[in-house]
Amino acid sequence: MKILLPSIIAIMMSIGVIFIRMKASHKPVSVKKIILPPIFMSTGALMFIFPYFRVTSMEILEAAMAGLLFSILLIKTSKFEVRDNYVYLKRSKAFAFILIGLLIVRIVAKSILSQEIEVGQLSGMFWILAFGMIVPWRVVMLLQYKKLVVTN
């Protein structure tokens, strides 16, 4: 039960992200739309105020490196195109499959790691992983966006 509810919530959130991403390809991209998600997510770092969520230096490094590796998949599937003098995110069929794959990896890893690591600590590690994934992805998106805007 300890893993079931969070896994169901993660599945629902992933489905939501897939639909949001599909709708986003119909609207022009802006700097604000690229940088706001990591800024909003950064407030989650406040969890580390509480000892229950604190992680060791090695766990921080492991989670951040995993996030960085996973971000490569997101970076590879996020491309822009110019249409009608606006920059749009190209729709990628692979993106949904990558999100689902990452979700499966997350659920399996959480079920295995929860036997060895406390739930709060594991939550902190997964937040670091997610943040370590979204920041490089969004930085690359921002650089690609600015490059397209300058050349057009």
N, C-alpha and C. Protein backbone atom coordinates (compact mmCIF):
# COMPACT_ATOMS: atom_id res chain seq x y z
N MET A 1 0.84 -1.21 0.00
CA MET A 1 0.00 0.00 0.00
C MET A 1 0.87 1.26 0.00
N LYS A 2 2.04 1.13 0.65
CA LYS A 2 2.97 2.25 0.75
C LYS A 2 3.41 2.73 -0.64
N ILE A 3 3.49 1.82 -1.59
CA ILE A 3 3.94 2.14 -2.94
C ILE A 3 2.77 2.29 -3.90
N LEU A 4 1.66 1.64 -3.63
CA LEU A 4 0.53 1.62 -4.55
C LEU A 4 -0.07 3.00 -4.80
N LEU A 5 -0.42 3.71 -3.75
CA LEU A 5 -1.04 5.03 -3.91
C LEU A 5 -0.13 6.02 -4.64
N PRO A 6 1.15 6.14 -4.22
CA PRO A 6 2.03 7.05 -4.96
C PRO A 6 2.20 6.65 -6.43
N SER A 7 2.20 5.35 -6.69
CA SER A 7 2.33 4.88 -8.08
C SER A 7 1.11 5.25 -8.90
N ILE A 8 -0.06 5.13 -8.32
CA ILE A 8 -1.30 5.51 -9.01
C ILE A 8 -1.28 7.02 -9.29
N ILE A 9 -0.85 7.79 -8.32
CA ILE A 9 -0.77 9.25 -8.49
C ILE A 9 0.23 9.58 -9.60
N ALA A 10 1.38 8.88 -9.60
CA ALA A 10 2.39 9.12 -10.64
C ALA A 10 1.85 8.78 -12.03
N ILE A 11 1.08 7.70 -12.13
CA ILE A 11 0.49 7.33 -13.42
C ILE A 11 -0.48 8.41 -13.89
N MET A 12 -1.32 8.91 -12.98
CA MET A 12 -2.28 9.96 -13.34
C MET A 12 -1.55 11.24 -13.78
N MET A 13 -0.49 11.59 -13.06
CA MET A 13 0.27 12.79 -13.42
C MET A 13 0.94 12.62 -14.78
N SER A 14 1.45 11.44 -15.06
CA SER A 14 2.10 11.19 -16.35
C SER A 14 1.10 11.29 -17.50
N ILE A 15 -0.08 10.75 -17.30
CA ILE A 15 -1.12 10.87 -18.32
C ILE A 15 -1.45 12.34 -18.55
N GLY A 16 -1.53 13.10 -17.46
CA GLY A 16 -1.78 14.54 -17.57
C GLY A 16 -0.69 15.26 -18.34
N VAL A 17 0.56 14.91 -18.07
CA VAL A 17 1.69 15.54 -18.77
C VAL A 17 1.64 15.22 -20.26
N ILE A 18 1.30 13.99 -20.61
CA ILE A 18 1.21 13.60 -22.02
C ILE A 18 0.16 14.45 -22.73
N PHE A 19 -1.01 14.62 -22.10
CA PHE A 19 -2.07 15.42 -22.72
C PHE A 19 -1.69 16.90 -22.80
N ILE A 20 -1.06 17.41 -21.75
CA ILE A 20 -0.62 18.81 -21.76
C ILE A 20 0.40 19.03 -22.88
N ARG A 21 1.32 18.09 -23.02
CA ARG A 21 2.35 18.20 -24.06
C ARG A 21 1.74 18.16 -25.45
N MET A 22 0.72 17.31 -25.63
CA MET A 22 0.06 17.21 -26.94
C MET A 22 -0.67 18.52 -27.27
N LYS A 23 -1.30 19.12 -26.27
CA LYS A 23 -1.99 20.40 -26.49
C LYS A 23 -1.00 21.53 -26.72
N ALA A 24 0.16 21.45 -26.05
CA ALA A 24 1.16 22.51 -26.15
C ALA A 24 1.71 22.65 -27.56
N SER A 25 1.68 21.58 -28.31
CA SER A 25 2.22 21.66 -29.68
C SER A 25 1.33 22.49 -30.60
N HIS A 26 0.14 22.85 -30.12
CA HIS A 26 -0.78 23.67 -30.92
C HIS A 26 -0.66 25.16 -30.61
N LYS A 27 0.14 25.49 -29.59
CA LYS A 27 0.30 26.89 -29.19
C LYS A 27 1.77 27.29 -29.30
N PRO A 28 2.03 28.55 -29.66
CA PRO A 28 3.43 28.99 -29.74
C PRO A 28 4.13 28.90 -28.38
N VAL A 29 5.42 28.65 -28.45
CA VAL A 29 6.25 28.56 -27.26
C VAL A 29 6.78 29.95 -26.92
N SER A 30 7.00 30.19 -25.64
CA SER A 30 7.61 31.45 -25.21
C SER A 30 8.66 31.13 -24.14
N VAL A 31 9.50 32.09 -23.87
CA VAL A 31 10.52 31.92 -22.83
C VAL A 31 9.83 31.59 -21.51
N LYS A 32 8.76 32.29 -21.22
CA LYS A 32 8.02 32.07 -19.97
C LYS A 32 7.54 30.62 -19.85
N LYS A 33 7.01 30.07 -20.93
CA LYS A 33 6.51 28.69 -20.90
C LYS A 33 7.63 27.68 -20.73
N ILE A 34 8.83 28.06 -21.10
CA ILE A 34 9.97 27.15 -20.96
C ILE A 34 10.54 27.20 -19.55
N ILE A 35 10.68 28.40 -18.99
CA ILE A 35 11.39 28.51 -17.70
C ILE A 35 10.49 28.38 -16.46
N LEU A 36 9.20 28.58 -16.60
CA LEU A 36 8.35 28.52 -15.41
C LEU A 36 8.24 27.13 -14.76
N PRO A 37 8.12 26.03 -15.51
CA PRO A 37 8.00 24.73 -14.82
C PRO A 37 9.13 24.42 -13.83
N PRO A 38 10.42 24.62 -14.19
CA PRO A 38 11.44 24.34 -13.18
C PRO A 38 11.40 25.32 -12.00
N ILE A 39 10.99 26.55 -12.28
CA ILE A 39 10.88 27.52 -11.18
C ILE A 39 9.79 27.08 -10.21
N PHE A 40 8.64 26.68 -10.75
CA PHE A 40 7.56 26.20 -9.88
C PHE A 40 7.97 24.94 -9.13
N MET A 41 8.66 24.05 -9.82
CA MET A 41 9.08 22.80 -9.19
C MET A 41 10.12 23.04 -8.10
N SER A 42 10.89 24.09 -8.22
CA SER A 42 11.96 24.36 -7.25
C SER A 42 11.41 24.56 -5.84
N THR A 43 10.16 24.95 -5.72
CA THR A 43 9.59 25.13 -4.38
C THR A 43 9.54 23.81 -3.62
N GLY A 44 9.58 22.70 -4.33
CA GLY A 44 9.60 21.38 -3.69
C GLY A 44 10.85 21.17 -2.84
N ALA A 45 11.90 21.94 -3.10
CA ALA A 45 13.13 21.82 -2.31
C ALA A 45 12.89 22.17 -0.85
N LEU A 46 11.81 22.86 -0.57
CA LEU A 46 11.48 23.19 0.83
C LEU A 46 11.25 21.93 1.67
N MET A 47 11.02 20.80 1.02
CA MET A 47 10.84 19.55 1.77
C MET A 47 12.08 19.23 2.58
N PHE A 48 13.25 19.66 2.11
CA PHE A 48 14.50 19.32 2.77
C PHE A 48 14.71 20.08 4.08
N ILE A 49 13.81 21.01 4.39
CA ILE A 49 13.84 21.67 5.69
C ILE A 49 13.58 20.64 6.79
N PHE A 50 12.75 19.66 6.46
CA PHE A 50 12.37 18.64 7.43
C PHE A 50 13.32 17.45 7.38
N PRO A 51 13.84 17.03 8.53
CA PRO A 51 14.80 15.92 8.57
C PRO A 51 14.29 14.63 7.90
N TYR A 52 12.99 14.43 7.90
CA TYR A 52 12.39 13.22 7.32
C TYR A 52 12.77 13.04 5.85
N PHE A 53 12.98 14.14 5.12
CA PHE A 53 13.26 14.09 3.69
C PHE A 53 14.73 14.23 3.33
N ARG A 54 15.58 14.45 4.31
CA ARG A 54 16.99 14.72 4.02
C ARG A 54 17.69 13.48 3.48
N VAL A 55 18.62 13.75 2.55
CA VAL A 55 19.37 12.67 1.90
C VAL A 55 20.86 12.91 2.09
N THR A 56 21.64 11.85 1.93
CA THR A 56 23.09 11.97 2.08
C THR A 56 23.69 12.58 0.82
N SER A 57 24.93 12.99 0.92
CA SER A 57 25.63 13.57 -0.24
C SER A 57 25.69 12.58 -1.39
N MET A 58 25.94 11.33 -1.08
CA MET A 58 26.02 10.30 -2.13
C MET A 58 24.66 10.10 -2.80
N GLU A 59 23.59 10.12 -2.03
CA GLU A 59 22.24 9.97 -2.59
C GLU A 59 21.88 11.16 -3.47
N ILE A 60 22.33 12.34 -3.08
CA ILE A 60 22.11 13.54 -3.92
C ILE A 60 22.81 13.35 -5.25
N LEU A 61 24.06 12.92 -5.20
CA LEU A 61 24.85 12.72 -6.41
C LEU A 61 24.22 11.65 -7.31
N GLU A 62 23.83 10.52 -6.71
CA GLU A 62 23.21 9.44 -7.48
C GLU A 62 21.91 9.90 -8.15
N ALA A 63 21.05 10.57 -7.41
CA ALA A 63 19.76 11.03 -7.94
C ALA A 63 19.96 12.08 -9.03
N ALA A 64 20.88 13.01 -8.80
CA ALA A 64 21.13 14.07 -9.78
C ALA A 64 21.70 13.49 -11.08
N MET A 65 22.59 12.52 -10.96
CA MET A 65 23.18 11.89 -12.15
C MET A 65 22.11 11.10 -12.92
N ALA A 66 21.25 10.40 -12.21
CA ALA A 66 20.16 9.67 -12.88
C ALA A 66 19.24 10.66 -13.60
N GLY A 67 18.93 11.76 -12.96
CA GLY A 67 18.10 12.79 -13.59
C GLY A 67 18.75 13.35 -14.83
N LEU A 68 20.03 13.59 -14.75
CA LEU A 68 20.77 14.12 -15.90
C LEU A 68 20.75 13.13 -17.06
N LEU A 69 20.93 11.85 -16.76
CA LEU A 69 20.88 10.83 -17.82
C LEU A 69 19.49 10.75 -18.44
N PHE A 70 18.47 10.77 -17.61
CA PHE A 70 17.09 10.70 -18.13
C PHE A 70 16.74 11.94 -18.95
N SER A 71 17.34 13.08 -18.60
CA SER A 71 17.03 14.32 -19.32
C SER A 71 17.47 14.22 -20.78
N ILE A 72 18.46 13.40 -21.06
CA ILE A 72 18.93 13.24 -22.43
C ILE A 72 17.80 12.74 -23.33
N LEU A 73 16.99 11.82 -22.81
CA LEU A 73 15.86 11.31 -23.58
C LEU A 73 14.86 12.43 -23.89
N LEU A 74 14.59 13.27 -22.91
CA LEU A 74 13.66 14.38 -23.11
C LEU A 74 14.22 15.42 -24.08
N ILE A 75 15.51 15.67 -23.96
CA ILE A 75 16.17 16.64 -24.85
C ILE A 75 16.11 16.15 -26.29
N LYS A 76 16.37 14.88 -26.49
CA LYS A 76 16.37 14.31 -27.85
C LYS A 76 15.00 14.35 -28.50
N THR A 77 13.94 14.35 -27.71
CA THR A 77 12.58 14.33 -28.28
C THR A 77 11.91 15.69 -28.28
N SER A 78 12.62 16.73 -27.89
CA SER A 78 12.05 18.08 -27.86
C SER A 78 12.71 18.95 -28.92
N LYS A 79 12.00 19.14 -29.98
CA LYS A 79 12.50 19.97 -31.08
C LYS A 79 11.47 21.05 -31.40
N PHE A 80 11.97 22.16 -31.91
CA PHE A 80 11.10 23.28 -32.27
C PHE A 80 11.02 23.43 -33.78
N GLU A 81 9.96 24.10 -34.21
CA GLU A 81 9.81 24.47 -35.61
C GLU A 81 9.16 25.84 -35.67
N VAL A 82 9.44 26.56 -36.76
CA VAL A 82 8.83 27.88 -36.96
C VAL A 82 7.68 27.72 -37.94
N ARG A 83 6.50 28.21 -37.51
CA ARG A 83 5.31 28.22 -38.37
C ARG A 83 4.65 29.59 -38.21
N ASP A 84 4.37 30.22 -39.30
CA ASP A 84 3.69 31.52 -39.28
C ASP A 84 4.40 32.53 -38.37
N ASN A 85 5.71 32.55 -38.43
CA ASN A 85 6.54 33.46 -37.63
C ASN A 85 6.48 33.21 -36.13
N TYR A 86 6.00 32.06 -35.71
CA TYR A 86 5.98 31.68 -34.30
C TYR A 86 6.74 30.38 -34.12
N VAL A 87 7.29 30.20 -32.95
CA VAL A 87 8.03 28.97 -32.64
C VAL A 87 7.08 28.00 -31.93
N TYR A 88 7.02 26.78 -32.45
CA TYR A 88 6.17 25.73 -31.88
C TYR A 88 7.03 24.53 -31.50
N LEU A 89 6.58 23.80 -30.50
CA LEU A 89 7.22 22.55 -30.14
C LEU A 89 6.72 21.48 -31.10
N LYS A 90 7.64 20.77 -31.74
CA LYS A 90 7.24 19.70 -32.66
C LYS A 90 6.68 18.54 -31.85
N ARG A 91 5.64 17.97 -32.36
CA ARG A 91 5.05 16.80 -31.73
C ARG A 91 5.97 15.60 -31.95
N SER A 92 6.22 14.85 -30.90
CA SER A 92 7.06 13.66 -31.00
C SER A 92 6.30 12.45 -30.49
N LYS A 93 6.14 11.46 -31.34
CA LYS A 93 5.47 10.23 -30.92
C LYS A 93 6.28 9.52 -29.84
N ALA A 94 7.58 9.67 -29.90
CA ALA A 94 8.45 9.00 -28.93
C ALA A 94 8.29 9.58 -27.52
N PHE A 95 7.90 10.85 -27.42
CA PHE A 95 7.83 11.50 -26.11
C PHE A 95 6.90 10.75 -25.16
N ALA A 96 5.72 10.38 -25.61
CA ALA A 96 4.77 9.67 -24.75
C ALA A 96 5.35 8.33 -24.31
N PHE A 97 6.00 7.63 -25.23
CA PHE A 97 6.59 6.34 -24.88
C PHE A 97 7.75 6.50 -23.89
N ILE A 98 8.51 7.57 -24.06
CA ILE A 98 9.62 7.83 -23.14
C ILE A 98 9.07 8.15 -21.75
N LEU A 99 8.02 8.97 -21.68
CA LEU A 99 7.41 9.27 -20.38
C LEU A 99 6.88 8.01 -19.71
N ILE A 100 6.23 7.17 -20.48
CA ILE A 100 5.71 5.92 -19.92
C ILE A 100 6.86 5.03 -19.46
N GLY A 101 7.92 4.96 -20.27
CA GLY A 101 9.10 4.18 -19.88
C GLY A 101 9.73 4.69 -18.61
N LEU A 102 9.87 6.02 -18.51
CA LEU A 102 10.43 6.62 -17.29
C LEU A 102 9.55 6.34 -16.08
N LEU A 103 8.25 6.36 -16.29
CA LEU A 103 7.31 6.06 -15.21
C LEU A 103 7.48 4.62 -14.73
N ILE A 104 7.61 3.69 -15.67
CA ILE A 104 7.81 2.28 -15.29
C ILE A 104 9.12 2.11 -14.53
N VAL A 105 10.18 2.75 -15.01
CA VAL A 105 11.47 2.70 -14.31
C VAL A 105 11.32 3.26 -12.90
N ARG A 106 10.59 4.38 -12.78
CA ARG A 106 10.39 5.01 -11.48
C ARG A 106 9.65 4.08 -10.51
N ILE A 107 8.58 3.46 -10.99
CA ILE A 107 7.78 2.58 -10.14
C ILE A 107 8.59 1.36 -9.70
N VAL A 108 9.32 0.77 -10.64
CA VAL A 108 10.14 -0.40 -10.30
C VAL A 108 11.24 0.00 -9.32
N ALA A 109 11.92 1.10 -9.61
CA ALA A 109 13.00 1.56 -8.72
C ALA A 109 12.47 1.88 -7.34
N LYS A 110 11.32 2.53 -7.28
CA LYS A 110 10.75 2.89 -5.99
C LYS A 110 10.37 1.64 -5.19
N SER A 111 9.81 0.65 -5.86
CA SER A 111 9.42 -0.56 -5.13
C SER A 111 10.64 -1.32 -4.61
N ILE A 112 11.73 -1.31 -5.38
CA ILE A 112 12.95 -1.98 -4.94
C ILE A 112 13.65 -1.17 -3.84
N LEU A 113 13.82 0.13 -4.09
CA LEU A 113 14.56 0.97 -3.15
C LEU A 113 13.82 1.21 -1.84
N SER A 114 12.50 1.13 -1.87
CA SER A 114 11.73 1.39 -0.64
C SER A 114 11.96 0.32 0.42
N GLN A 115 12.52 -0.81 0.02
CA GLN A 115 12.84 -1.86 0.98
C GLN A 115 14.12 -1.55 1.74
N GLU A 116 14.95 -0.65 1.18
CA GLU A 116 16.25 -0.35 1.78
C GLU A 116 16.36 1.10 2.29
N ILE A 117 15.57 1.99 1.71
CA ILE A 117 15.68 3.42 2.04
C ILE A 117 14.35 3.89 2.60
N GLU A 118 14.42 4.73 3.62
CA GLU A 118 13.20 5.28 4.24
C GLU A 118 12.38 6.06 3.21
N VAL A 119 11.07 6.05 3.39
CA VAL A 119 10.15 6.67 2.44
C VAL A 119 10.45 8.16 2.24
N GLY A 120 10.69 8.90 3.31
CA GLY A 120 10.97 10.33 3.21
C GLY A 120 12.25 10.60 2.43
N GLN A 121 13.27 9.83 2.75
CA GLN A 121 14.55 9.95 2.07
C GLN A 121 14.40 9.62 0.59
N LEU A 122 13.64 8.57 0.30
CA LEU A 122 13.40 8.16 -1.08
C LEU A 122 12.62 9.24 -1.84
N SER A 123 11.67 9.86 -1.16
CA SER A 123 10.92 10.96 -1.77
C SER A 123 11.86 12.10 -2.14
N GLY A 124 12.77 12.42 -1.25
CA GLY A 124 13.76 13.46 -1.52
C GLY A 124 14.63 13.11 -2.71
N MET A 125 15.04 11.85 -2.78
CA MET A 125 15.88 11.41 -3.90
C MET A 125 15.13 11.51 -5.23
N PHE A 126 13.85 11.11 -5.22
CA PHE A 126 13.08 11.18 -6.46
C PHE A 126 12.78 12.61 -6.87
N TRP A 127 12.66 13.52 -5.89
CA TRP A 127 12.49 14.92 -6.24
C TRP A 127 13.78 15.44 -6.90
N ILE A 128 14.92 15.09 -6.33
CA ILE A 128 16.21 15.51 -6.90
C ILE A 128 16.37 14.94 -8.31
N LEU A 129 15.98 13.68 -8.49
CA LEU A 129 16.04 13.06 -9.81
C LEU A 129 15.18 13.84 -10.80
N ALA A 130 13.95 14.14 -10.42
CA ALA A 130 13.03 14.86 -11.31
C ALA A 130 13.55 16.27 -11.62
N PHE A 131 14.05 16.95 -10.60
CA PHE A 131 14.57 18.29 -10.80
C PHE A 131 15.84 18.25 -11.65
N GLY A 132 16.66 17.23 -11.42
CA GLY A 132 17.87 17.05 -12.22
C GLY A 132 17.58 16.67 -13.66
N MET A 133 16.35 16.24 -13.91
CA MET A 133 15.93 15.90 -15.26
C MET A 133 15.32 17.12 -15.95
N ILE A 134 14.49 17.87 -15.25
CA ILE A 134 13.76 18.98 -15.88
C ILE A 134 14.66 20.19 -16.13
N VAL A 135 15.61 20.46 -15.26
CA VAL A 135 16.44 21.67 -15.43
C VAL A 135 17.30 21.59 -16.69
N PRO A 136 18.10 20.52 -16.89
CA PRO A 136 18.90 20.48 -18.12
C PRO A 136 18.02 20.47 -19.39
N TRP A 137 16.90 19.76 -19.33
CA TRP A 137 15.98 19.69 -20.46
C TRP A 137 15.48 21.09 -20.82
N ARG A 138 15.05 21.84 -19.82
CA ARG A 138 14.52 23.18 -20.07
C ARG A 138 15.61 24.17 -20.47
N VAL A 139 16.81 24.00 -19.94
CA VAL A 139 17.91 24.88 -20.34
C VAL A 139 18.21 24.68 -21.83
N VAL A 140 18.28 23.41 -22.25
CA VAL A 140 18.52 23.13 -23.66
C VAL A 140 17.36 23.65 -24.52
N MET A 141 16.13 23.48 -24.06
CA MET A 141 14.98 24.01 -24.79
C MET A 141 15.09 25.52 -24.95
N LEU A 142 15.48 26.20 -23.88
CA LEU A 142 15.62 27.66 -23.93
C LEU A 142 16.69 28.07 -24.94
N LEU A 143 17.83 27.38 -24.93
CA LEU A 143 18.90 27.69 -25.87
C LEU A 143 18.45 27.45 -27.32
N GLN A 144 17.75 26.33 -27.55
CA GLN A 144 17.24 26.04 -28.89
C GLN A 144 16.22 27.10 -29.32
N TYR A 145 15.35 27.48 -28.40
CA TYR A 145 14.33 28.49 -28.70
C TYR A 145 14.99 29.81 -29.08
N LYS A 146 15.94 30.26 -28.25
CA LYS A 146 16.60 31.54 -28.52
C LYS A 146 17.36 31.50 -29.84
N LYS A 147 17.97 30.37 -30.15
CA LYS A 147 18.68 30.22 -31.42
C LYS A 147 17.70 30.36 -32.60
N LEU A 148 16.54 29.75 -32.49
CA LEU A 148 15.54 29.85 -33.56
C LEU A 148 15.00 31.26 -33.70
N VAL A 149 14.76 31.92 -32.58
CA VAL A 149 14.21 33.28 -32.62
C VAL A 149 15.22 34.24 -33.25
N VAL A 150 16.50 34.08 -32.95
CA VAL A 150 17.53 34.96 -33.49
C VAL A 150 17.68 34.74 -35.00
N THR A 151 17.62 33.48 -35.45
CA THR A 151 17.83 33.20 -36.87
C THR A 151 16.61 33.52 -37.73
N ASN A 152 15.45 33.70 -37.11
CA ASN A 152 14.23 33.99 -37.89
C ASN A 152 13.76 35.37 -37.69
